[in-house]
Amino acid sequence: MDFKDPKNQILILVVFGFIVLIYLWHTKFYTPYDQQLTVDKATYSKLREELHAVKQEAASLDALQEEVAMQNARFENVKLWLPEKKQDEAFLAQLHIAAQQTNSTIIGITPQAPMPKEFYSANDYIVEAEATYHGLGNLFAKVVNFPFIVRISDIELKSKEGMSELMAVSAQKRENLTVSATFKLTTFNSGNAIQGGQTQ
């Protein structure tokens, strides 16, 4: 090739200019856009992963909210049976009504100091009552059907005839014999409970 030929020189200049343009396009436009595209792809991939994680958390949150709603409903039902505060008046009124309905006589009621537990307080009452054997059973049945939780324990029975004689007579005669009973009634409330070693 004759480099002195003007035609060849023009051709060489055109090719050289074309190469320079390609180089400039590659360095100034293609490379930055390619790098930006790589960054955008990485960002998109990261956002998709984060979106997937958020969707999973949202599903977990929905399940958790549903569980909380169910537990709150159960708690509201339990609150009907476990009042927040100790209710001496309601308890005594219910007990005396039960005694009247069963022809029983409440001789004495001795409240004991409340016993705070982890999630509730237990309130004990030592009760002395007098009734027929059958009436006493009816009294206990009324007590356990109070509109709040009541536990009966530590029952001691006494009879003028003596307990061995009382058990020896027939069930029909036993129903009409008078017995004295001492027992503990325990009510419960959710307030004043100890949680984590401290009184609420």
Protein backbone atom coordinates (compact mmCIF):
# COMPACT_ATOMS: atom_id res chain seq x y z
CA MET A 1 0.00 0.00 0.00
CA ASP A 2 1.33 3.36 -0.98
CA PHE A 3 1.04 5.64 2.07
CA LYS A 4 1.95 8.65 -0.03
CA ASP A 5 -1.15 8.19 -2.13
CA PRO A 6 -3.75 10.77 -0.98
CA LYS A 7 -6.55 8.25 -1.41
CA ASN A 8 -4.79 5.78 0.88
CA GLN A 9 -4.09 8.54 3.38
CA ILE A 10 -7.78 9.52 3.43
CA LEU A 11 -8.77 5.85 3.87
CA ILE A 12 -6.28 5.47 6.70
CA LEU A 13 -7.64 8.64 8.35
CA VAL A 14 -11.23 7.40 8.00
CA VAL A 15 -10.37 4.00 9.51
CA PHE A 16 -8.39 5.67 12.28
CA GLY A 17 -11.26 8.08 12.99
CA PHE A 18 -13.71 5.17 13.02
CA ILE A 19 -11.51 3.31 15.54
CA VAL A 20 -11.27 6.45 17.68
CA LEU A 21 -15.07 6.84 17.59
CA ILE A 22 -15.55 3.20 18.59
CA TYR A 23 -13.05 3.64 21.41
CA LEU A 24 -14.74 6.82 22.61
CA TRP A 25 -18.19 5.20 22.39
CA HIS A 26 -16.95 2.16 24.32
CA THR A 27 -15.21 4.15 27.07
CA LYS A 28 -17.66 7.06 27.35
CA PHE A 29 -21.00 5.35 26.79
CA TYR A 30 -20.95 1.55 26.70
CA THR A 31 -18.70 0.87 29.73
CA PRO A 32 -20.51 3.27 32.15
CA TYR A 33 -23.91 1.98 31.01
CA ASP A 34 -22.73 -1.61 31.31
CA GLN A 35 -21.43 -0.94 34.82
CA GLN A 36 -24.68 0.85 35.73
CA LEU A 37 -26.66 -2.06 34.30
CA THR A 38 -24.67 -4.50 36.46
CA VAL A 39 -25.31 -2.33 39.54
CA ASP A 40 -29.02 -2.07 38.66
CA LYS A 41 -29.28 -5.84 38.22
CA ALA A 42 -27.65 -6.38 41.64
CA THR A 43 -29.98 -3.80 43.19
CA TYR A 44 -33.00 -5.42 41.55
CA SER A 45 -31.94 -8.85 42.79
CA LYS A 46 -31.45 -7.49 46.32
CA LEU A 47 -34.84 -5.75 46.24
CA ARG A 48 -36.52 -8.97 45.09
CA GLU A 49 -34.91 -10.83 48.00
CA GLU A 50 -36.01 -8.12 50.43
CA LEU A 51 -39.53 -8.17 48.97
CA HIS A 52 -39.67 -11.94 49.39
CA ALA A 53 -38.49 -11.60 53.01
CA VAL A 54 -41.10 -8.87 53.63
CA LYS A 55 -43.84 -11.08 52.15
CA GLN A 56 -42.77 -13.95 54.43
CA GLU A 57 -42.76 -11.60 57.43
CA ALA A 58 -46.17 -10.27 56.40
CA ALA A 59 -47.50 -13.83 56.26
CA SER A 60 -45.98 -14.51 59.68
CA LEU A 61 -47.43 -11.24 60.98
CA ASP A 62 -50.89 -12.17 59.71
CA ALA A 63 -50.62 -15.54 61.45
CA LEU A 64 -49.34 -13.85 64.61
CA GLN A 65 -52.16 -11.29 64.57
CA GLU A 66 -54.69 -14.10 64.14
CA GLU A 67 -53.12 -15.96 67.07
CA VAL A 68 -53.17 -12.78 69.20
CA ALA A 69 -56.84 -12.24 68.35
CA MET A 70 -57.66 -15.82 69.36
CA GLN A 71 -55.70 -15.49 72.61
CA ASN A 72 -57.43 -12.16 73.38
CA ALA A 73 -60.82 -13.81 72.85
CA ARG A 74 -59.83 -16.65 75.19
CA PHE A 75 -58.53 -14.11 77.71
CA GLU A 76 -61.82 -12.21 77.64
CA ASN A 77 -63.66 -15.48 78.33
CA VAL A 78 -61.32 -16.28 81.21
CA LYS A 79 -61.77 -12.76 82.64
CA LEU A 80 -65.45 -13.59 83.15
CA TRP A 81 -64.35 -16.41 85.47
CA LEU A 82 -61.28 -14.68 86.92
CA PRO A 83 -62.14 -11.11 88.00
CA GLU A 84 -59.43 -8.49 88.12
CA LYS A 85 -60.09 -7.57 91.76
CA LYS A 86 -61.03 -9.54 94.84
CA GLN A 87 -64.83 -9.45 95.18
CA ASP A 88 -65.71 -10.17 98.81
CA GLU A 89 -69.20 -8.67 98.58
CA ALA A 90 -70.19 -10.71 95.54
CA PHE A 91 -68.74 -13.87 97.08
CA LEU A 92 -70.53 -13.41 100.42
CA ALA A 93 -73.81 -12.54 98.72
CA GLN A 94 -73.61 -15.67 96.52
CA LEU A 95 -72.71 -17.83 99.53
CA HIS A 96 -75.64 -16.61 101.63
CA ILE A 97 -78.07 -17.05 98.74
CA ALA A 98 -76.77 -20.61 98.28
CA ALA A 99 -77.20 -21.25 102.01
CA GLN A 100 -80.81 -20.03 101.93
CA GLN A 101 -81.63 -22.13 98.87
CA THR A 102 -80.25 -25.28 100.51
CA ASN A 103 -81.61 -24.65 104.04
CA SER A 104 -78.05 -24.42 105.33
CA THR A 105 -76.79 -22.11 108.07
CA ILE A 106 -73.50 -20.25 107.71
CA ILE A 107 -72.11 -20.05 111.24
CA GLY A 108 -68.90 -18.21 110.46
CA ILE A 109 -66.63 -17.01 107.68
CA THR A 110 -63.00 -16.22 108.39
CA PRO A 111 -61.12 -14.54 105.51
CA GLN A 112 -57.45 -15.49 105.18
CA ALA A 113 -54.62 -13.36 103.80
CA PRO A 114 -54.53 -13.36 99.97
CA MET A 115 -51.86 -15.60 98.46
CA PRO A 116 -50.30 -13.97 95.36
CA LYS A 117 -49.23 -16.47 92.71
CA GLU A 118 -47.42 -15.93 89.42
CA PHE A 119 -50.46 -14.94 87.35
CA TYR A 120 -53.27 -14.67 89.90
CA SER A 121 -54.12 -14.28 93.59
CA ALA A 122 -55.85 -16.94 95.68
CA ASN A 123 -58.24 -15.77 98.40
CA ASP A 124 -59.06 -18.32 101.10
CA TYR A 125 -62.06 -18.26 103.42
CA ILE A 126 -62.58 -20.71 106.28
CA VAL A 127 -66.31 -21.39 106.42
CA GLU A 128 -68.32 -23.08 109.16
CA ALA A 129 -71.76 -24.29 108.14
CA GLU A 130 -74.53 -26.45 109.50
CA ALA A 131 -76.99 -28.35 107.36
CA THR A 132 -78.47 -31.74 106.73
CA TYR A 133 -76.15 -34.20 105.03
CA HIS A 134 -78.14 -33.80 101.83
CA GLY A 135 -78.36 -29.99 102.23
CA LEU A 136 -74.61 -29.73 102.63
CA GLY A 137 -74.11 -31.58 99.35
CA ASN A 138 -76.53 -29.17 97.68
CA LEU A 139 -74.66 -26.21 99.20
CA PHE A 140 -71.39 -27.47 97.71
CA ALA A 141 -73.11 -27.93 94.34
CA LYS A 142 -74.34 -24.32 94.45
CA VAL A 143 -70.89 -23.03 95.42
CA VAL A 144 -69.08 -24.68 92.52
CA ASN A 145 -71.64 -23.14 90.15
CA PHE A 146 -70.96 -19.56 91.25
CA PRO A 147 -70.37 -17.18 88.29
CA PHE A 148 -66.66 -17.18 89.15
CA ILE A 149 -64.14 -19.87 90.00
CA VAL A 150 -64.42 -21.26 93.54
CA ARG A 151 -62.49 -24.22 94.94
CA ILE A 152 -63.69 -26.25 97.92
CA SER A 153 -61.06 -28.02 100.04
CA ASP A 154 -60.12 -29.21 103.54
CA ILE A 155 -63.63 -30.41 104.37
CA GLU A 156 -64.18 -31.57 107.95
CA LEU A 157 -67.55 -33.02 108.93
CA LYS A 158 -68.93 -33.44 112.43
CA SER A 159 -72.20 -34.93 113.58
CA LYS A 160 -73.94 -35.04 116.96
CA GLU A 161 -74.39 -38.73 116.40
CA GLY A 162 -70.72 -39.15 115.48
CA MET A 163 -69.35 -39.72 111.98
CA SER A 164 -69.10 -43.49 112.27
CA GLU A 165 -72.77 -43.66 113.29
CA LEU A 166 -73.66 -41.23 110.50
CA MET A 167 -72.03 -43.45 107.90
CA ALA A 168 -73.64 -46.54 109.38
CA VAL A 169 -77.24 -45.37 108.89
CA SER A 170 -78.99 -45.76 105.56
CA ALA A 171 -78.63 -43.07 102.90
CA GLN A 172 -82.28 -42.15 103.25
CA LYS A 173 -81.98 -41.53 107.01
CA ARG A 174 -78.60 -39.82 106.57
CA GLU A 175 -80.17 -37.14 104.39
CA ASN A 176 -82.15 -35.80 107.35
CA LEU A 177 -79.35 -35.83 109.94
CA THR A 178 -77.72 -32.51 110.76
CA VAL A 179 -73.97 -32.15 110.26
CA SER A 180 -71.52 -29.39 110.99
CA ALA A 181 -68.89 -28.72 108.38
CA THR A 182 -65.73 -26.68 108.32
CA PHE A 183 -64.20 -26.18 104.90
CA LYS A 184 -62.05 -23.81 102.90
CA LEU A 185 -63.40 -21.89 99.94
CA THR A 186 -60.87 -20.31 97.60
CA THR A 187 -61.69 -17.60 95.08
CA PHE A 188 -59.26 -16.23 92.52
CA ASN A 189 -58.56 -12.89 90.87
CA SER A 190 -56.05 -11.76 88.27
CA GLY A 191 -54.87 -8.64 90.10
CA ASN A 192 -52.04 -8.40 92.67
CA ALA A 193 -50.25 -11.36 91.10
CA ILE A 194 -46.51 -11.82 91.37
CA GLN A 195 -44.74 -11.98 88.02
CA GLY A 196 -41.02 -12.27 87.65
CA GLY A 197 -40.59 -12.14 91.42
CA GLN A 198 -42.26 -8.75 91.82
CA THR A 199 -45.79 -7.83 92.86
CA GLN A 200 -47.77 -6.33 90.03
